[in-house]
């Protein structure tokens, strides 16, 4: 759901309890996407501009500051080792300044 600080990972053969619960920072109603890594891990963006990477066991293995605003989308190229991150959200009167709307390509 939106504004959920957790990503619940399930085995579709047994959905009674999650395999892992991965934390991330979300404080907006905007949808924040994640992507699956070819290695079996997961990569996600966060409200504070960070990108977090988890391995297949649910352990955090990397984190970096990608943008100055909410990282709303993350996508991984399955062969070339590129990560594409997108940033931006609507700012309302009275909110913090420094709006950023951008797309970046990272080599990992």
C-alpha atoms as a PDB file:
ATOM      1  CA  UNK A   1       0.000   0.000   0.000  1.00  0.00           C
ATOM      2  CA  UNK A   2       1.032   3.601  -0.264  1.00  0.00           C
ATOM      3  CA  UNK A   3       2.906   5.108   2.694  1.00  0.00           C
ATOM      4  CA  UNK A   4       4.041   1.607   3.707  1.00  0.00           C
ATOM      5  CA  UNK A   5       7.568   1.551   5.167  1.00  0.00           C
ATOM      6  CA  UNK A   6       7.913  -2.193   4.555  1.00  0.00           C
ATOM      7  CA  UNK A   7       8.137  -4.444   1.517  1.00  0.00           C
ATOM      8  CA  UNK A   8       6.807  -7.907   2.322  1.00  0.00           C
ATOM      9  CA  UNK A   9       8.416 -10.725   0.312  1.00  0.00           C
ATOM     10  CA  UNK A  10       6.368 -13.911  -0.046  1.00  0.00           C
ATOM     11  CA  UNK A  11       6.926 -17.353  -1.493  1.00  0.00           C
ATOM     12  CA  UNK A  12       3.845 -17.767  -3.690  1.00  0.00           C
ATOM     13  CA  UNK A  13       3.675 -21.459  -2.793  1.00  0.00           C
ATOM     14  CA  UNK A  14       2.986 -20.540   0.848  1.00  0.00           C
ATOM     15  CA  UNK A  15       1.572 -17.060   1.402  1.00  0.00           C
ATOM     16  CA  UNK A  16       0.651 -17.382   5.072  1.00  0.00           C
ATOM     17  CA  UNK A  17       3.794 -15.609   6.320  1.00  0.00           C
ATOM     18  CA  UNK A  18       6.328 -13.434   4.510  1.00  0.00           C
ATOM     19  CA  UNK A  19       9.845 -14.767   3.857  1.00  0.00           C
ATOM     20  CA  UNK A  20      11.330 -11.319   4.502  1.00  0.00           C
ATOM     21  CA  UNK A  21      10.172  -7.872   5.523  1.00  0.00           C
ATOM     22  CA  UNK A  22      12.404  -5.188   4.029  1.00  0.00           C
ATOM     23  CA  UNK A  23      12.361  -1.660   5.463  1.00  0.00           C
ATOM     24  CA  UNK A  24      12.420   1.540   3.411  1.00  0.00           C
ATOM     25  CA  UNK A  25      11.549   5.171   4.100  1.00  0.00           C
ATOM     26  CA  UNK A  26       8.202   6.314   2.700  1.00  0.00           C
ATOM     27  CA  UNK A  27       6.378   9.469   3.773  1.00  0.00           C
ATOM     28  CA  UNK A  28       4.366  10.301   0.670  1.00  0.00           C
ATOM     29  CA  UNK A  29       1.278   8.918  -1.043  1.00  0.00           C
ATOM     30  CA  UNK A  30       3.316   8.571  -4.207  1.00  0.00           C
ATOM     31  CA  UNK A  31       3.915   5.028  -5.450  1.00  0.00           C
ATOM     32  CA  UNK A  32       7.519   3.959  -4.950  1.00  0.00           C
ATOM     33  CA  UNK A  33       8.497   1.127  -7.239  1.00  0.00           C
ATOM     34  CA  UNK A  34      11.087  -1.590  -6.737  1.00  0.00           C
ATOM     35  CA  UNK A  35      12.773  -4.045  -9.086  1.00  0.00           C
ATOM     36  CA  UNK A  36      14.120  -7.563  -8.745  1.00  0.00           C
ATOM     37  CA  UNK A  37      17.807  -8.184  -9.377  1.00  0.00           C
ATOM     38  CA  UNK A  38      19.063 -11.023 -11.600  1.00  0.00           C
ATOM     39  CA  UNK A  39      20.892 -12.363  -8.510  1.00  0.00           C
ATOM     40  CA  UNK A  40      17.596 -12.785  -6.630  1.00  0.00           C
ATOM     41  CA  UNK A  41      17.791  -9.574  -4.613  1.00  0.00           C
ATOM     42  CA  UNK A  42      15.642  -6.465  -4.634  1.00  0.00           C
ATOM     43  CA  UNK A  43      16.364  -2.763  -5.206  1.00  0.00           C
ATOM     44  CA  UNK A  44      14.087   0.073  -4.081  1.00  0.00           C
ATOM     45  CA  UNK A  45      13.977   3.844  -3.865  1.00  0.00           C
ATOM     46  CA  UNK A  46      13.112   5.835  -0.753  1.00  0.00           C
ATOM     47  CA  UNK A  47      11.556   9.153   0.204  1.00  0.00           C
ATOM     48  CA  UNK A  48      14.871  10.734   1.230  1.00  0.00           C
ATOM     49  CA  UNK A  49      16.559  10.227  -2.145  1.00  0.00           C
ATOM     50  CA  UNK A  50      18.299   6.967  -1.249  1.00  0.00           C
ATOM     51  CA  UNK A  51      18.411   3.679  -3.134  1.00  0.00           C
ATOM     52  CA  UNK A  52      18.590   0.515  -1.028  1.00  0.00           C
ATOM     53  CA  UNK A  53      19.689  -2.921  -2.262  1.00  0.00           C
ATOM     54  CA  UNK A  54      18.800  -6.198  -0.530  1.00  0.00           C
ATOM     55  CA  UNK A  55      20.136  -9.670  -1.308  1.00  0.00           C
ATOM     56  CA  UNK A  56      17.928 -12.755  -1.686  1.00  0.00           C
ATOM     57  CA  UNK A  57      18.145 -13.429   2.079  1.00  0.00           C
ATOM     58  CA  UNK A  58      16.628 -10.024   2.895  1.00  0.00           C
ATOM     59  CA  UNK A  59      19.898  -8.474   4.084  1.00  0.00           C
ATOM     60  CA  UNK A  60      20.789  -4.906   3.164  1.00  0.00           C
ATOM     61  CA  UNK A  61      23.931  -5.019   0.998  1.00  0.00           C
ATOM     62  CA  UNK A  62      24.180  -1.485  -0.444  1.00  0.00           C
ATOM     63  CA  UNK A  63      22.738   1.988  -0.090  1.00  0.00           C
ATOM     64  CA  UNK A  64      23.512   5.277  -1.792  1.00  0.00           C
ATOM     65  CA  UNK A  65      22.157   8.781  -2.121  1.00  0.00           C
ATOM     66  CA  UNK A  66      20.864   8.967  -5.692  1.00  0.00           C
ATOM     67  CA  UNK A  67      18.767  12.146  -5.700  1.00  0.00           C
ATOM     68  CA  UNK A  68      17.792  15.121  -3.572  1.00  0.00           C
ATOM     69  CA  UNK A  69      14.103  14.189  -3.695  1.00  0.00           C
ATOM     70  CA  UNK A  70      11.949  11.045  -3.590  1.00  0.00           C
ATOM     71  CA  UNK A  71      13.276   8.149  -5.701  1.00  0.00           C
ATOM     72  CA  UNK A  72       9.972   6.968  -7.130  1.00  0.00           C
ATOM     73  CA  UNK A  73      11.230   4.400  -9.620  1.00  0.00           C
ATOM     74  CA  UNK A  74      14.174   2.026  -9.908  1.00  0.00           C
ATOM     75  CA  UNK A  75      14.867  -0.339 -12.777  1.00  0.00           C
ATOM     76  CA  UNK A  76      17.737  -2.759 -13.386  1.00  0.00           C
ATOM     77  CA  UNK A  77      19.027  -3.867 -16.778  1.00  0.00           C
ATOM     78  CA  UNK A  78      19.339  -7.662 -16.517  1.00  0.00           C
ATOM     79  CA  UNK A  79      22.550  -7.938 -18.580  1.00  0.00           C
ATOM     80  CA  UNK A  80      24.514  -4.689 -18.681  1.00  0.00           C
ATOM     81  CA  UNK A  81      24.575  -3.883 -14.961  1.00  0.00           C
ATOM     82  CA  UNK A  82      22.804  -0.538 -15.256  1.00  0.00           C
ATOM     83  CA  UNK A  83      20.443   0.869 -12.654  1.00  0.00           C
ATOM     84  CA  UNK A  84      18.085   3.640 -13.736  1.00  0.00           C
ATOM     85  CA  UNK A  85      16.525   5.824 -11.039  1.00  0.00           C
ATOM     86  CA  UNK A  86      13.784   8.388 -11.421  1.00  0.00           C
ATOM     87  CA  UNK A  87      13.084  11.212  -9.040  1.00  0.00           C
ATOM     88  CA  UNK A  88      10.367  13.751  -8.513  1.00  0.00           C
ATOM     89  CA  UNK A  89       7.111  14.453  -6.814  1.00  0.00           C
ATOM     90  CA  UNK A  90       4.623  17.255  -6.514  1.00  0.00           C
ATOM     91  CA  UNK A  91       5.461  19.779  -3.819  1.00  0.00           C
ATOM     92  CA  UNK A  92       2.687  21.736  -2.165  1.00  0.00           C
ATOM     93  CA  UNK A  93       2.813  25.185  -0.565  1.00  0.00           C
ATOM     94  CA  UNK A  94       4.624  25.088   2.778  1.00  0.00           C
ATOM     95  CA  UNK A  95       6.716  22.010   1.949  1.00  0.00           C
ATOM     96  CA  UNK A  96      10.477  21.928   1.633  1.00  0.00           C
ATOM     97  CA  UNK A  97      12.125  23.701  -1.274  1.00  0.00           C
ATOM     98  CA  UNK A  98      14.560  22.137  -3.722  1.00  0.00           C
ATOM     99  CA  UNK A  99      12.278  20.180  -6.018  1.00  0.00           C
ATOM    100  CA  UNK A 100      14.133  17.818  -8.346  1.00  0.00           C
ATOM    101  CA  UNK A 101      12.725  15.960 -11.342  1.00  0.00           C
ATOM    102  CA  UNK A 102      15.399  13.829 -12.963  1.00  0.00           C
ATOM    103  CA  UNK A 103      16.454  10.483 -14.357  1.00  0.00           C
ATOM    104  CA  UNK A 104      19.910   8.992 -13.698  1.00  0.00           C
ATOM    105  CA  UNK A 105      21.732   5.963 -15.041  1.00  0.00           C
ATOM    106  CA  UNK A 106      24.169   4.202 -12.691  1.00  0.00           C
ATOM    107  CA  UNK A 107      26.748   1.529 -13.502  1.00  0.00           C
ATOM    108  CA  UNK A 108      27.018  -1.133 -10.812  1.00  0.00           C
END
